[in-house]
Amino acid sequence: MRITLVEDNIGLAKGIAYRLEDAGHAVDLLHDGDAAEAFLKDDASDLIILDINLPGKDGLSLLKALRSREDQRPVILLTARAETEDRVIGLDAGADDYLIKPFEMAELEARVRALSRRRAIPQRLMQEIGPLQFDHGARQLFDGDNPIEMPRRELSVFECLLSADGRLVSKTALLDHAYGVGADVEEKVVEVYISRIRSRLKPFGVSIKAQRGLGYQLLVEDEPEV
């Protein structure tokens, strides 16, 4: 899952991002409200973790702006305000959950898992690709009843290609999905992941076609090998 994290405490933000990435998520990290306002209008994250007290535009204003344009992505608010009234204000503004600082990272991870299960997924929960099936909820690819294992970065790249429904996906988009926007990762890493995913999919007649300078697309071309 791709998560946008808006938190001005650099140390805390890096700690949260590390734990979420270690759990297999891609994280886009921002530290002020003004940058977040512009970013959130065009990003494609699945969930937002939003601090209330931010330099520039505050978190509640960002949340209200999201909901006013009918953006229904799940939002977890982070705040040092413990009063019940403050929690009510945040939930009434459209937050799906609320965490009071300081909190345990394990609790945040649990809240993220809970919201990921509850959120409305636009794709089918089980999507077919040739003879294979991908369970979006479990993030697992199957050949019948047999799971096809992929390391988490490969899985993120595969998910991004699958969601494109046969359209071309650039290397940059694949990297952003796997690592988060602006991550310091070379594009050639994508080539390694693509090569490994190709090897896993080839026996099932599923291929990844490259178009030089444009990107990759996931296709069903051949009958599965007997």
Protein backbone atom coordinates (compact mmCIF):
# COMPACT_ATOMS: atom_id res chain seq x y z
CA MET A 1 0.00 0.00 0.00
CA ARG A 2 1.16 3.55 -0.70
CA ILE A 3 0.95 5.97 2.22
CA THR A 4 1.36 9.74 2.38
CA LEU A 5 2.82 10.90 5.71
CA VAL A 6 2.69 14.60 6.67
CA GLU A 7 4.64 15.25 9.88
CA ASP A 8 6.91 18.21 10.71
CA ASN A 9 8.91 16.41 13.43
CA ILE A 10 11.74 15.06 11.25
CA GLY A 11 12.86 12.37 13.69
CA LEU A 12 9.35 11.07 14.27
CA ALA A 13 8.55 11.20 10.56
CA LYS A 14 11.63 9.14 9.67
CA GLY A 15 10.81 6.63 12.39
CA ILE A 16 7.25 6.18 11.15
CA ALA A 17 8.38 5.93 7.53
CA TYR A 18 10.98 3.30 8.42
CA ARG A 19 8.44 1.11 10.22
CA LEU A 20 5.88 1.39 7.43
CA GLU A 21 8.44 0.67 4.72
CA ASP A 22 9.70 -2.30 6.71
CA ALA A 23 6.12 -3.59 6.68
CA GLY A 24 6.12 -3.42 2.87
CA HIS A 25 4.46 -0.04 2.26
CA ALA A 26 5.72 2.81 0.07
CA VAL A 27 5.80 6.15 1.92
CA ASP A 28 5.70 9.69 0.53
CA LEU A 29 7.03 12.00 3.26
CA LEU A 30 6.20 15.71 3.61
CA HIS A 31 6.99 18.11 6.46
CA ASP A 32 4.77 21.19 6.02
CA GLY A 33 1.17 21.94 5.23
CA ASP A 34 1.70 24.08 2.16
CA ALA A 35 3.74 21.41 0.36
CA ALA A 36 1.24 18.77 1.45
CA GLU A 37 -1.70 20.79 0.10
CA ALA A 38 -0.23 20.78 -3.41
CA PHE A 39 0.92 17.16 -3.20
CA LEU A 40 -2.37 15.73 -1.97
CA LYS A 41 -4.30 17.16 -4.92
CA ASP A 42 -2.50 14.92 -7.42
CA ASP A 43 -0.99 11.97 -5.57
CA ALA A 44 -2.37 8.43 -5.73
CA SER A 45 -1.72 7.17 -2.22
CA ASP A 46 -4.09 4.72 -0.53
CA LEU A 47 -3.97 6.23 2.97
CA ILE A 48 -2.88 9.50 4.60
CA ILE A 49 -1.27 9.99 8.02
CA LEU A 50 -1.61 13.65 8.92
CA ASP A 51 -0.24 15.67 11.81
CA ILE A 52 -2.55 18.46 12.99
CA ASN A 53 0.09 21.01 14.01
CA LEU A 54 2.06 21.82 10.86
CA PRO A 55 3.97 24.83 9.59
CA GLY A 56 1.97 26.51 6.86
CA LYS A 57 -1.50 25.06 6.42
CA ASP A 58 -2.58 23.05 9.46
CA GLY A 59 -3.69 19.42 9.32
CA LEU A 60 -7.37 20.06 10.00
CA SER A 61 -7.54 22.53 7.13
CA LEU A 62 -5.86 20.00 4.84
CA LEU A 63 -8.33 17.34 5.93
CA LYS A 64 -11.34 19.58 5.34
CA ALA A 65 -10.00 20.46 1.88
CA LEU A 66 -9.65 16.76 1.06
CA ARG A 67 -13.22 16.01 2.05
CA SER A 68 -14.59 19.11 0.30
CA ARG A 69 -13.31 17.76 -3.03
CA GLU A 70 -14.82 14.36 -2.20
CA ASP A 71 -11.48 12.68 -1.61
CA GLN A 72 -12.50 9.76 0.62
CA ARG A 73 -9.10 8.20 1.27
CA PRO A 74 -8.65 7.03 4.87
CA VAL A 75 -6.92 9.60 7.10
CA ILE A 76 -5.23 9.02 10.46
CA LEU A 77 -4.70 12.23 12.43
CA LEU A 78 -1.67 12.62 14.71
CA THR A 79 -1.77 15.16 17.52
CA ALA A 80 -0.44 16.01 20.96
CA ARG A 81 -3.92 17.24 21.97
CA ALA A 82 -5.50 14.67 24.29
CA GLU A 83 -8.79 16.40 25.10
CA THR A 84 -11.98 14.68 23.96
CA GLU A 85 -13.19 17.87 22.29
CA ASP A 86 -10.11 17.95 20.05
CA ARG A 87 -10.65 14.33 19.01
CA VAL A 88 -14.29 15.07 18.19
CA ILE A 89 -13.29 18.07 16.08
CA GLY A 90 -10.84 15.91 14.13
CA LEU A 91 -13.31 13.10 13.54
CA ASP A 92 -16.06 15.55 12.57
CA ALA A 93 -13.69 17.10 10.04
CA GLY A 94 -13.52 13.72 8.29
CA ALA A 95 -10.71 11.76 9.98
CA ASP A 96 -11.08 7.98 10.06
CA ASP A 97 -8.84 7.51 13.10
CA TYR A 98 -6.91 9.54 15.67
CA LEU A 99 -3.64 8.90 17.51
CA ILE A 100 -2.36 10.96 20.43
CA LYS A 101 1.39 11.54 20.75
CA PRO A 102 3.41 9.86 22.06
CA PHE A 103 2.22 6.54 20.70
CA GLU A 104 3.72 3.11 20.10
CA MET A 105 4.69 2.36 16.49
CA ALA A 106 2.98 -1.01 16.80
CA GLU A 107 -0.32 0.76 17.50
CA LEU A 108 0.05 2.95 14.42
CA GLU A 109 0.80 -0.12 12.30
CA ALA A 110 -2.33 -1.81 13.69
CA ARG A 111 -4.47 1.24 12.82
CA VAL A 112 -3.03 1.23 9.28
CA ARG A 113 -3.85 -2.47 8.88
CA ALA A 114 -7.39 -1.92 10.16
CA LEU A 115 -8.05 0.95 7.76
CA SER A 116 -6.56 -0.95 4.83
CA ARG A 117 -9.08 -3.73 5.49
CA ARG A 118 -11.98 -1.29 5.79
CA ARG A 119 -11.22 0.97 2.85
CA ALA A 120 -13.21 0.63 -0.36
CA ILE A 121 -10.83 -0.85 -2.94
CA PRO A 122 -11.71 0.34 -6.45
CA GLN A 123 -10.41 -2.83 -8.09
CA ARG A 124 -11.95 -6.24 -7.66
CA LEU A 125 -10.66 -7.93 -4.53
CA MET A 126 -9.66 -10.91 -6.67
CA GLN A 127 -8.31 -9.95 -10.09
CA GLU A 128 -7.43 -12.41 -12.85
CA ILE A 129 -4.33 -12.06 -15.01
CA GLY A 130 -4.18 -14.94 -17.47
CA PRO A 131 -4.47 -18.17 -15.45
CA LEU A 132 -3.38 -16.39 -12.27
CA GLN A 133 -5.40 -14.58 -9.61
CA PHE A 134 -4.28 -11.66 -7.49
CA ASP A 135 -5.92 -11.07 -4.12
CA HIS A 136 -5.71 -7.30 -3.52
CA GLY A 137 -6.74 -7.59 0.11
CA ALA A 138 -4.11 -10.19 1.01
CA ARG A 139 -1.57 -8.83 -1.54
CA GLN A 140 -0.99 -12.38 -2.77
CA LEU A 141 -0.69 -13.86 -6.27
CA PHE A 142 -2.12 -17.35 -6.78
CA ASP A 143 -1.92 -20.14 -9.34
CA GLY A 144 -5.16 -21.85 -8.39
CA ASP A 145 -4.76 -22.59 -4.69
CA ASN A 146 -0.98 -22.30 -4.83
CA PRO A 147 0.56 -18.97 -3.75
CA ILE A 148 3.32 -17.48 -5.87
CA GLU A 149 5.73 -15.82 -3.48
CA MET A 150 7.33 -12.46 -4.26
CA PRO A 151 9.55 -10.25 -2.10
CA ARG A 152 7.73 -7.08 -1.07
CA ARG A 153 9.47 -4.69 -3.51
CA GLU A 154 8.82 -7.00 -6.45
CA LEU A 155 5.22 -7.30 -5.29
CA SER A 156 4.84 -3.50 -5.25
CA VAL A 157 6.17 -3.26 -8.81
CA PHE A 158 3.83 -6.07 -9.92
CA GLU A 159 0.83 -4.35 -8.25
CA CYS A 160 1.60 -1.11 -10.05
CA LEU A 161 1.80 -2.87 -13.44
CA LEU A 162 -1.38 -4.84 -12.76
CA SER A 163 -3.37 -1.75 -11.77
CA ALA A 164 -2.47 -0.13 -15.12
CA ASP A 165 -4.64 -2.71 -16.97
CA GLY A 166 -2.16 -3.19 -19.81
CA ARG A 167 -1.14 0.46 -20.13
CA LEU A 168 2.49 1.53 -20.10
CA VAL A 169 3.97 2.40 -16.71
CA SER A 170 7.18 4.43 -16.53
CA LYS A 171 10.23 3.45 -14.47
CA THR A 172 9.67 6.54 -12.34
CA ALA A 173 6.09 5.55 -11.56
CA LEU A 174 7.19 2.03 -10.62
CA LEU A 175 9.90 3.39 -8.32
CA ASP A 176 7.47 5.85 -6.73
CA HIS A 177 5.02 3.05 -6.03
CA ALA A 178 7.65 0.75 -4.54
CA TYR A 179 9.67 3.29 -2.54
CA GLY A 180 7.68 6.54 -2.33
CA VAL A 181 8.06 9.76 -4.30
CA GLY A 182 11.55 11.25 -4.25
CA ALA A 183 13.29 8.16 -2.82
CA ASP A 184 17.02 8.08 -3.56
CA VAL A 185 16.95 4.91 -5.63
CA GLU A 186 18.45 4.45 -9.11
CA GLU A 187 16.08 3.60 -11.96
CA LYS A 188 18.13 0.55 -12.93
CA VAL A 189 16.78 -1.13 -9.79
CA VAL A 190 13.47 -1.40 -11.63
CA GLU A 191 15.17 -3.44 -14.37
CA VAL A 192 16.30 -5.98 -11.77
CA TYR A 193 12.78 -6.30 -10.33
CA ILE A 194 11.24 -6.58 -13.80
CA SER A 195 13.66 -9.37 -14.75
CA ARG A 196 12.80 -11.33 -11.61
CA ILE A 197 9.05 -10.85 -12.02
CA ARG A 198 9.27 -11.95 -15.67
CA SER A 199 10.90 -15.20 -14.59
CA ARG A 200 8.11 -15.86 -12.09
CA LEU A 201 5.32 -15.14 -14.60
CA LYS A 202 6.75 -16.74 -17.76
CA PRO A 203 5.50 -20.30 -17.06
CA PHE A 204 1.94 -18.91 -16.92
CA GLY A 205 1.98 -17.06 -20.24
CA VAL A 206 2.09 -13.64 -18.56
CA SER A 207 4.76 -11.27 -19.85
CA ILE A 208 6.14 -7.80 -19.21
CA LYS A 209 6.84 -5.87 -22.41
CA ALA A 210 9.36 -3.01 -22.39
CA GLN A 211 9.17 0.02 -24.64
CA ARG A 212 12.48 1.85 -24.60
CA GLY A 213 12.23 5.25 -22.97
CA LEU A 214 8.53 4.81 -22.17
CA GLY A 215 8.15 2.03 -19.63
CA TYR A 216 6.64 -1.41 -19.16
CA GLN A 217 3.28 -3.08 -19.58
CA LEU A 218 1.88 -6.32 -18.20
CA LEU A 219 0.36 -8.56 -20.89
CA VAL A 220 -1.16 -12.01 -21.35
CA GLU A 221 0.27 -13.31 -24.62
CA ASP A 222 0.80 -17.05 -24.56
CA GLU A 223 -0.86 -20.20 -23.37
CA PRO A 224 0.59 -21.50 -20.09
CA GLU A 225 3.33 -24.11 -20.45
CA VAL A 226 2.20 -27.69 -19.87
